[in-house]
Amino acid sequence: MRVSNNIACSLNNHVKYLYGTLSILTLILGMVIYLLFRNVNNMLLFSWLPKSEFINIKLVQIKSSIFSDILLYNIPDTLWFLSAILFLRYLWFYKTKEMTVYIFCFYGIGLLFEISQISEKVLGTFDWLDLLFMSIGAFVESLLYKKFILRRFT
């Protein structure tokens, strides 16, 4: 019995660290999309980075289409939103009640931030597709969490 508990604990730790790693990867992937395809001078996320000539150069030119517009304008926000959710799951992995509360608070903060972009006082442009993609990302992540993690480890 003791051996199976050690194996379960070890597996839980691996899954927890997988969440932390996925959080970092989705954050970086969203940043890479901006660095390669977008102008980062007007971005709050990049305002703390030292500006270099490399950051001012768009490395890849993409022909405008529905897919490229979604990739450039909606997917980074979705990845950053997903990154924060994954980080909260990593941080509160063993405390599911607290994790749920913080994740729902973060959903509210994300919604308020996106809606506040309607006013000119908050940087960014309000976009219904951002809300749609962020909602889809959160919904899919929660389904995967419930099906593969919560069911197996609790």
N, C-alpha and C. Protein backbone atom coordinates (compact mmCIF):
# COMPACT_ATOMS: atom_id res chain seq x y z
N MET A 1 0.82 -1.19 0.00
CA MET A 1 0.00 0.00 0.00
C MET A 1 0.86 1.26 0.00
N ARG A 2 1.96 1.22 0.75
CA ARG A 2 2.85 2.37 0.85
C ARG A 2 3.49 2.67 -0.50
N VAL A 3 3.87 1.62 -1.25
CA VAL A 3 4.49 1.80 -2.55
C VAL A 3 3.52 2.45 -3.52
N SER A 4 2.25 2.02 -3.52
CA SER A 4 1.28 2.61 -4.44
C SER A 4 1.00 4.07 -4.10
N ASN A 5 1.02 4.43 -2.81
CA ASN A 5 0.85 5.83 -2.42
C ASN A 5 2.03 6.67 -2.91
N ASN A 6 3.25 6.13 -2.81
CA ASN A 6 4.42 6.85 -3.30
C ASN A 6 4.36 7.05 -4.80
N ILE A 7 3.90 6.04 -5.52
CA ILE A 7 3.77 6.14 -6.98
C ILE A 7 2.72 7.19 -7.34
N ALA A 8 1.58 7.17 -6.64
CA ALA A 8 0.52 8.14 -6.91
C ALA A 8 1.01 9.56 -6.62
N CYS A 9 1.73 9.73 -5.52
CA CYS A 9 2.26 11.06 -5.17
C CYS A 9 3.26 11.54 -6.21
N SER A 10 4.12 10.63 -6.65
CA SER A 10 5.10 10.97 -7.67
C SER A 10 4.42 11.35 -8.99
N LEU A 11 3.40 10.60 -9.35
CA LEU A 11 2.66 10.89 -10.58
C LEU A 11 1.95 12.24 -10.48
N ASN A 12 1.36 12.52 -9.31
CA ASN A 12 0.72 13.81 -9.10
C ASN A 12 1.72 14.95 -9.25
N ASN A 13 2.92 14.78 -8.71
CA ASN A 13 3.95 15.82 -8.83
C ASN A 13 4.35 16.03 -10.29
N HIS A 14 4.45 14.94 -11.05
CA HIS A 14 4.78 15.06 -12.47
C HIS A 14 3.70 15.83 -13.22
N VAL A 15 2.45 15.53 -12.91
CA VAL A 15 1.34 16.24 -13.56
C VAL A 15 1.35 17.71 -13.15
N LYS A 16 1.61 17.97 -11.87
CA LYS A 16 1.68 19.35 -11.40
C LYS A 16 2.76 20.12 -12.15
N TYR A 17 3.94 19.54 -12.28
CA TYR A 17 5.02 20.23 -12.98
C TYR A 17 4.76 20.33 -14.48
N LEU A 18 3.99 19.41 -15.01
CA LEU A 18 3.56 19.53 -16.41
C LEU A 18 2.70 20.77 -16.60
N TYR A 19 1.83 21.04 -15.63
CA TYR A 19 1.01 22.26 -15.69
C TYR A 19 1.89 23.50 -15.65
N GLY A 20 2.90 23.52 -14.79
CA GLY A 20 3.81 24.66 -14.73
C GLY A 20 4.56 24.85 -16.04
N THR A 21 5.03 23.75 -16.61
CA THR A 21 5.76 23.81 -17.87
C THR A 21 4.86 24.29 -19.01
N LEU A 22 3.64 23.75 -19.07
CA LEU A 22 2.70 24.18 -20.11
C LEU A 22 2.33 25.65 -19.96
N SER A 23 2.25 26.12 -18.72
CA SER A 23 1.97 27.53 -18.47
C SER A 23 3.06 28.41 -19.07
N ILE A 24 4.31 28.04 -18.81
CA ILE A 24 5.43 28.82 -19.35
C ILE A 24 5.46 28.74 -20.87
N LEU A 25 5.24 27.56 -21.43
CA LEU A 25 5.28 27.39 -22.89
C LEU A 25 4.19 28.19 -23.59
N THR A 26 2.97 28.19 -23.05
CA THR A 26 1.90 28.96 -23.70
C THR A 26 2.15 30.46 -23.59
N LEU A 27 2.72 30.90 -22.48
CA LEU A 27 3.09 32.31 -22.34
C LEU A 27 4.13 32.70 -23.38
N ILE A 28 5.17 31.88 -23.50
CA ILE A 28 6.25 32.16 -24.46
C ILE A 28 5.73 32.09 -25.89
N LEU A 29 4.87 31.12 -26.20
CA LEU A 29 4.34 31.01 -27.56
C LEU A 29 3.54 32.25 -27.94
N GLY A 30 2.74 32.76 -27.02
CA GLY A 30 2.01 34.00 -27.29
C GLY A 30 2.95 35.17 -27.52
N MET A 31 4.04 35.23 -26.75
CA MET A 31 5.03 36.30 -26.93
C MET A 31 5.75 36.16 -28.27
N VAL A 32 6.07 34.93 -28.65
CA VAL A 32 6.77 34.69 -29.92
C VAL A 32 5.91 35.13 -31.10
N ILE A 33 4.61 34.87 -31.04
CA ILE A 33 3.73 35.32 -32.12
C ILE A 33 3.82 36.82 -32.26
N TYR A 34 3.80 37.54 -31.14
CA TYR A 34 3.93 38.99 -31.21
C TYR A 34 5.30 39.42 -31.73
N LEU A 35 6.34 38.79 -31.22
CA LEU A 35 7.69 39.19 -31.63
C LEU A 35 7.93 38.93 -33.11
N LEU A 36 7.38 37.87 -33.64
CA LEU A 36 7.62 37.54 -35.05
C LEU A 36 6.71 38.30 -36.01
N PHE A 37 5.49 38.59 -35.60
CA PHE A 37 4.50 39.07 -36.56
C PHE A 37 3.91 40.43 -36.26
N ARG A 38 4.08 40.96 -35.05
CA ARG A 38 3.37 42.17 -34.66
C ARG A 38 4.31 43.26 -34.19
N ASN A 39 3.81 44.47 -34.12
CA ASN A 39 4.55 45.60 -33.57
C ASN A 39 4.35 45.60 -32.05
N VAL A 40 5.43 45.39 -31.33
CA VAL A 40 5.33 45.27 -29.87
C VAL A 40 5.50 46.60 -29.14
N ASN A 41 5.70 47.69 -29.86
CA ASN A 41 5.93 48.97 -29.20
C ASN A 41 4.73 49.45 -28.39
N ASN A 42 3.53 49.08 -28.81
CA ASN A 42 2.32 49.55 -28.13
C ASN A 42 1.78 48.55 -27.11
N MET A 43 2.53 47.51 -26.82
CA MET A 43 2.03 46.45 -25.97
C MET A 43 2.47 46.60 -24.53
N LEU A 44 1.53 46.49 -23.62
CA LEU A 44 1.80 46.58 -22.19
C LEU A 44 2.75 45.48 -21.74
N LEU A 45 2.56 44.26 -22.25
CA LEU A 45 3.40 43.13 -21.85
C LEU A 45 4.87 43.38 -22.17
N PHE A 46 5.15 44.06 -23.29
CA PHE A 46 6.53 44.29 -23.69
C PHE A 46 7.07 45.65 -23.24
N SER A 47 6.29 46.41 -22.50
CA SER A 47 6.74 47.74 -22.08
C SER A 47 7.90 47.66 -21.10
N TRP A 48 8.04 46.58 -20.38
CA TRP A 48 9.12 46.44 -19.41
C TRP A 48 10.39 45.88 -20.02
N LEU A 49 10.31 45.40 -21.27
CA LEU A 49 11.51 44.89 -21.94
C LEU A 49 12.34 46.04 -22.50
N PRO A 50 13.66 45.93 -22.45
CA PRO A 50 14.47 46.96 -23.10
C PRO A 50 14.25 46.88 -24.61
N LYS A 51 14.09 48.03 -25.21
CA LYS A 51 13.83 48.07 -26.65
C LYS A 51 15.13 47.92 -27.42
N SER A 52 15.11 47.07 -28.39
CA SER A 52 16.25 46.92 -29.27
C SER A 52 15.75 46.96 -30.71
N GLU A 53 16.66 47.08 -31.63
CA GLU A 53 16.27 47.11 -33.04
C GLU A 53 15.62 45.80 -33.45
N PHE A 54 16.03 44.70 -32.84
CA PHE A 54 15.45 43.40 -33.15
C PHE A 54 13.94 43.38 -32.88
N ILE A 55 13.53 44.00 -31.78
CA ILE A 55 12.12 44.00 -31.43
C ILE A 55 11.30 44.83 -32.41
N ASN A 56 11.89 45.83 -33.01
CA ASN A 56 11.16 46.69 -33.94
C ASN A 56 11.00 46.09 -35.34
N ILE A 57 11.68 45.01 -35.60
CA ILE A 57 11.63 44.40 -36.93
C ILE A 57 10.62 43.27 -36.93
N LYS A 58 9.69 43.30 -37.89
CA LYS A 58 8.81 42.16 -38.08
C LYS A 58 9.58 41.13 -38.89
N LEU A 59 9.82 39.98 -38.31
CA LEU A 59 10.65 38.98 -38.96
C LEU A 59 9.92 38.24 -40.07
N VAL A 60 8.62 38.07 -39.93
CA VAL A 60 7.86 37.28 -40.90
C VAL A 60 6.66 38.11 -41.35
N GLN A 61 6.53 38.25 -42.64
CA GLN A 61 5.37 38.94 -43.21
C GLN A 61 4.33 37.90 -43.58
N ILE A 62 3.10 38.13 -43.17
CA ILE A 62 2.00 37.21 -43.46
C ILE A 62 0.94 37.94 -44.26
N LYS A 63 0.48 37.26 -45.30
CA LYS A 63 -0.61 37.81 -46.10
C LYS A 63 -1.89 37.78 -45.26
N SER A 64 -2.64 38.86 -45.30
CA SER A 64 -3.85 38.97 -44.49
C SER A 64 -4.92 37.99 -44.98
N SER A 65 -5.44 37.24 -44.04
CA SER A 65 -6.56 36.32 -44.29
C SER A 65 -7.28 36.12 -42.97
N ILE A 66 -8.37 35.41 -43.00
CA ILE A 66 -9.10 35.16 -41.76
C ILE A 66 -8.21 34.38 -40.78
N PHE A 67 -7.55 33.34 -41.28
CA PHE A 67 -6.68 32.53 -40.41
C PHE A 67 -5.53 33.35 -39.85
N SER A 68 -4.87 34.13 -40.71
CA SER A 68 -3.72 34.90 -40.21
C SER A 68 -4.17 35.98 -39.23
N ASP A 69 -5.33 36.59 -39.46
CA ASP A 69 -5.83 37.59 -38.51
C ASP A 69 -6.15 36.96 -37.16
N ILE A 70 -6.72 35.77 -37.16
CA ILE A 70 -6.99 35.07 -35.90
C ILE A 70 -5.68 34.72 -35.21
N LEU A 71 -4.71 34.22 -35.99
CA LEU A 71 -3.40 33.87 -35.43
C LEU A 71 -2.72 35.09 -34.81
N LEU A 72 -2.76 36.21 -35.50
CA LEU A 72 -2.04 37.39 -35.04
C LEU A 72 -2.76 38.16 -33.94
N TYR A 73 -4.08 38.20 -33.97
CA TYR A 73 -4.80 39.09 -33.07
C TYR A 73 -5.56 38.39 -31.95
N ASN A 74 -5.92 37.13 -32.10
CA ASN A 74 -6.73 36.46 -31.09
C ASN A 74 -6.00 35.33 -30.37
N ILE A 75 -5.18 34.59 -31.07
CA ILE A 75 -4.49 33.46 -30.46
C ILE A 75 -3.53 33.89 -29.34
N PRO A 76 -2.76 34.98 -29.49
CA PRO A 76 -1.89 35.36 -28.37
C PRO A 76 -2.65 35.63 -27.07
N ASP A 77 -3.77 36.35 -27.14
CA ASP A 77 -4.57 36.58 -25.93
C ASP A 77 -5.07 35.27 -25.35
N THR A 78 -5.50 34.37 -26.21
CA THR A 78 -5.97 33.07 -25.75
C THR A 78 -4.85 32.29 -25.07
N LEU A 79 -3.66 32.32 -25.67
CA LEU A 79 -2.52 31.61 -25.07
C LEU A 79 -2.15 32.20 -23.72
N TRP A 80 -2.16 33.52 -23.60
CA TRP A 80 -1.82 34.16 -22.33
C TRP A 80 -2.88 33.85 -21.27
N PHE A 81 -4.13 33.86 -21.68
CA PHE A 81 -5.22 33.52 -20.77
C PHE A 81 -5.07 32.07 -20.30
N LEU A 82 -4.81 31.18 -21.24
CA LEU A 82 -4.60 29.77 -20.92
C LEU A 82 -3.37 29.59 -20.02
N SER A 83 -2.32 30.34 -20.28
CA SER A 83 -1.11 30.28 -19.47
C SER A 83 -1.42 30.61 -18.01
N ALA A 84 -2.22 31.63 -17.79
CA ALA A 84 -2.57 32.01 -16.42
C ALA A 84 -3.42 30.93 -15.75
N ILE A 85 -4.34 30.34 -16.47
CA ILE A 85 -5.16 29.27 -15.90
C ILE A 85 -4.28 28.07 -15.54
N LEU A 86 -3.39 27.69 -16.44
CA LEU A 86 -2.48 26.57 -16.17
C LEU A 86 -1.59 26.88 -14.98
N PHE A 87 -1.14 28.13 -14.86
CA PHE A 87 -0.30 28.51 -13.73
C PHE A 87 -1.09 28.41 -12.42
N LEU A 88 -2.34 28.84 -12.43
CA LEU A 88 -3.17 28.73 -11.22
C LEU A 88 -3.40 27.26 -10.85
N ARG A 89 -3.58 26.42 -11.85
CA ARG A 89 -3.72 24.98 -11.57
C ARG A 89 -2.41 24.43 -10.99
N TYR A 90 -1.29 24.88 -11.52
CA TYR A 90 0.01 24.46 -10.98
C TYR A 90 0.18 24.93 -9.54
N LEU A 91 -0.14 26.18 -9.30
CA LEU A 91 0.06 26.79 -7.99
C LEU A 91 -0.81 26.17 -6.91
N TRP A 92 -2.06 25.87 -7.24
CA TRP A 92 -3.03 25.35 -6.27
C TRP A 92 -3.38 23.90 -6.57
N PHE A 93 -2.45 23.12 -7.09
CA PHE A 93 -2.72 21.77 -7.57
C PHE A 93 -3.37 20.87 -6.52
N TYR A 94 -2.91 20.94 -5.30
CA TYR A 94 -3.41 20.05 -4.26
C TYR A 94 -4.59 20.64 -3.48
N LYS A 95 -4.95 21.86 -3.78
CA LYS A 95 -6.07 22.52 -3.09
C LYS A 95 -7.13 22.90 -4.13
N THR A 96 -7.97 21.92 -4.45
CA THR A 96 -8.90 22.12 -5.57
C THR A 96 -9.95 23.19 -5.30
N LYS A 97 -10.39 23.36 -4.07
CA LYS A 97 -11.39 24.40 -3.79
C LYS A 97 -10.80 25.78 -4.00
N GLU A 98 -9.60 26.01 -3.46
CA GLU A 98 -8.95 27.31 -3.65
C GLU A 98 -8.65 27.55 -5.12
N MET A 99 -8.18 26.49 -5.80
CA MET A 99 -7.86 26.62 -7.22
C MET A 99 -9.10 27.05 -8.01
N THR A 100 -10.22 26.44 -7.73
CA THR A 100 -11.46 26.77 -8.44
C THR A 100 -11.84 28.22 -8.21
N VAL A 101 -11.74 28.69 -6.98
CA VAL A 101 -12.08 30.08 -6.66
C VAL A 101 -11.16 31.04 -7.42
N TYR A 102 -9.86 30.79 -7.38
CA TYR A 102 -8.91 31.67 -8.06
C TYR A 102 -9.11 31.64 -9.58
N ILE A 103 -9.39 30.50 -10.13
CA ILE A 103 -9.59 30.42 -11.58
C ILE A 103 -10.84 31.19 -11.98
N PHE A 104 -11.93 31.05 -11.23
CA PHE A 104 -13.13 31.82 -11.56
C PHE A 104 -12.90 33.32 -11.37
N CYS A 105 -12.13 33.70 -10.36
CA CYS A 105 -11.77 35.12 -10.20
C CYS A 105 -10.97 35.59 -11.42
N PHE A 106 -10.05 34.75 -11.88
CA PHE A 106 -9.26 35.13 -13.04
C PHE A 106 -10.13 35.24 -14.30
N TYR A 107 -11.10 34.35 -14.45
CA TYR A 107 -12.05 34.47 -15.58
C TYR A 107 -12.71 35.85 -15.55
N GLY A 108 -13.15 36.26 -14.36
CA GLY A 108 -13.78 37.56 -14.21
C GLY A 108 -12.84 38.71 -14.54
N ILE A 109 -11.60 38.60 -14.07
CA ILE A 109 -10.61 39.64 -14.35
C ILE A 109 -10.33 39.72 -15.84
N GLY A 110 -10.18 38.57 -16.49
CA GLY A 110 -9.95 38.56 -17.94
C GLY A 110 -11.11 39.18 -18.70
N LEU A 111 -12.33 38.87 -18.30
CA LEU A 111 -13.52 39.44 -18.93
C LEU A 111 -13.57 40.95 -18.73
N LEU A 112 -13.34 41.39 -17.49
CA LEU A 112 -13.35 42.83 -17.22
C LEU A 112 -12.26 43.57 -17.98
N PHE A 113 -11.07 42.97 -18.05
CA PHE A 113 -9.97 43.62 -18.77
C PHE A 113 -10.32 43.76 -20.26
N GLU A 114 -10.85 42.71 -20.84
CA GLU A 114 -11.19 42.77 -22.27
C GLU A 114 -12.31 43.77 -22.52
N ILE A 115 -13.33 43.77 -21.69
CA ILE A 115 -14.44 44.71 -21.86
C ILE A 115 -13.99 46.14 -21.59
N SER A 116 -13.06 46.34 -20.64
CA SER A 116 -12.59 47.69 -20.33
C SER A 116 -11.82 48.30 -21.49
N GLN A 117 -11.39 47.49 -22.44
CA GLN A 117 -10.68 48.01 -23.60
C GLN A 117 -11.60 48.77 -24.54
N ILE A 118 -12.91 48.71 -24.29
CA ILE A 118 -13.86 49.52 -25.07
C ILE A 118 -13.57 50.99 -24.83
N SER A 119 -13.24 51.34 -23.56
CA SER A 119 -12.89 52.72 -23.27
C SER A 119 -11.47 52.98 -23.76
N GLU A 120 -11.15 54.23 -23.95
CA GLU A 120 -9.82 54.58 -24.43
C GLU A 120 -8.80 54.69 -23.30
N LYS A 121 -9.23 54.47 -22.06
CA LYS A 121 -8.33 54.57 -20.91
C LYS A 121 -7.48 53.33 -20.72
N VAL A 122 -7.90 52.20 -21.29
CA VAL A 122 -7.17 50.94 -21.16
C VAL A 122 -6.57 50.59 -22.51
N LEU A 123 -5.26 50.27 -22.50
CA LEU A 123 -4.60 49.90 -23.75
C LEU A 123 -5.21 48.64 -24.33
N GLY A 124 -5.27 48.60 -25.64
CA GLY A 124 -5.79 47.42 -26.32
C GLY A 124 -7.05 47.76 -27.08
N THR A 125 -7.48 46.82 -27.87
CA THR A 125 -8.71 46.98 -28.63
C THR A 125 -9.66 45.88 -28.26
N PHE A 126 -10.88 46.26 -27.94
CA PHE A 126 -11.89 45.28 -27.59
C PHE A 126 -12.23 44.46 -28.83
N ASP A 127 -12.36 43.17 -28.64
CA ASP A 127 -12.65 42.28 -29.76
C ASP A 127 -13.49 41.12 -29.25
N TRP A 128 -14.64 40.93 -29.88
CA TRP A 128 -15.52 39.81 -29.51
C TRP A 128 -14.83 38.47 -29.75
N LEU A 129 -14.00 38.41 -30.77
CA LEU A 129 -13.30 37.16 -31.04
C LEU A 129 -12.31 36.81 -29.93
N ASP A 130 -11.70 37.82 -29.31
CA ASP A 130 -10.83 37.55 -28.15
C ASP A 130 -11.64 36.85 -27.06
N LEU A 131 -12.81 37.40 -26.76
CA LEU A 131 -13.65 36.78 -25.73
C LEU A 131 -14.06 35.37 -26.13
N LEU A 132 -14.40 35.18 -27.39
CA LEU A 132 -14.80 33.86 -27.87
C LEU A 132 -13.66 32.86 -27.74
N PHE A 133 -12.48 33.22 -28.23
CA PHE A 133 -11.34 32.30 -28.19
C PHE A 133 -10.87 32.06 -26.75
N MET A 134 -10.89 33.08 -25.92
CA MET A 134 -10.51 32.89 -24.53
C MET A 134 -11.51 31.96 -23.84
N SER A 135 -12.78 32.11 -24.15
CA SER A 135 -13.80 31.23 -23.57
C SER A 135 -13.63 29.80 -24.05
N ILE A 136 -13.38 29.63 -25.33
CA ILE A 136 -13.16 28.28 -25.87
C ILE A 136 -11.94 27.64 -25.22
N GLY A 137 -10.84 28.41 -25.10
CA GLY A 137 -9.63 27.89 -24.47
C GLY A 137 -9.88 27.48 -23.03
N ALA A 138 -10.59 28.32 -22.27
CA ALA A 138 -10.88 27.99 -20.87
C ALA A 138 -11.80 26.78 -20.77
N PHE A 139 -12.78 26.71 -21.66
CA PHE A 139 -13.72 25.58 -21.64
C PHE A 139 -13.03 24.27 -21.96
N VAL A 140 -12.21 24.27 -23.00
CA VAL A 140 -11.50 23.05 -23.40
C VAL A 140 -10.52 22.62 -22.30
N GLU A 141 -9.81 23.58 -21.72
CA GLU A 141 -8.87 23.26 -20.64
C GLU A 141 -9.61 22.67 -19.45
N SER A 142 -10.77 23.23 -19.10
CA SER A 142 -11.51 22.70 -17.95
C SER A 142 -12.05 21.31 -18.23
N LEU A 143 -12.48 21.05 -19.46
CA LEU A 143 -12.93 19.69 -19.82
C LEU A 143 -11.78 18.69 -19.72
N LEU A 144 -10.62 19.06 -20.25
CA LEU A 144 -9.46 18.17 -20.18
C LEU A 144 -9.04 17.94 -18.73
N TYR A 145 -9.09 18.99 -17.93
CA TYR A 145 -8.74 18.85 -16.52
C TYR A 145 -9.69 17.88 -15.82
N LYS A 146 -11.00 18.07 -16.05
CA LYS A 146 -11.98 17.20 -15.39
C LYS A 146 -11.88 15.76 -15.88
N LYS A 147 -11.66 15.57 -17.17
CA LYS A 147 -11.64 14.22 -17.72
C LYS A 147 -10.35 13.47 -17.38
N PHE A 148 -9.21 14.13 -17.51
CA PHE A 148 -7.94 13.42 -17.39
C PHE A 148 -7.24 13.58 -16.05
N ILE A 149 -7.48 14.69 -15.36
CA ILE A 149 -6.74 14.93 -14.12
C ILE A 149 -7.63 14.69 -12.90
N LEU A 150 -8.70 15.43 -12.80
CA LEU A 150 -9.54 15.35 -11.61
C LEU A 150 -10.08 13.94 -11.41
N ARG A 151 -10.52 13.31 -12.46
CA ARG A 151 -11.10 11.98 -12.37
C ARG A 151 -10.05 10.95 -11.94
N ARG A 152 -8.81 11.10 -12.36
CA ARG A 152 -7.79 10.10 -12.08
C ARG A 152 -7.05 10.32 -10.76
N PHE A 153 -6.94 11.57 -10.32
CA PHE A 153 -6.06 11.84 -9.18
C PHE A 153 -6.81 12.25 -7.91
N THR A 154 -8.12 12.31 -7.96
CA THR A 154 -8.84 12.65 -6.73
C THR A 154 -9.77 11.55 -6.34
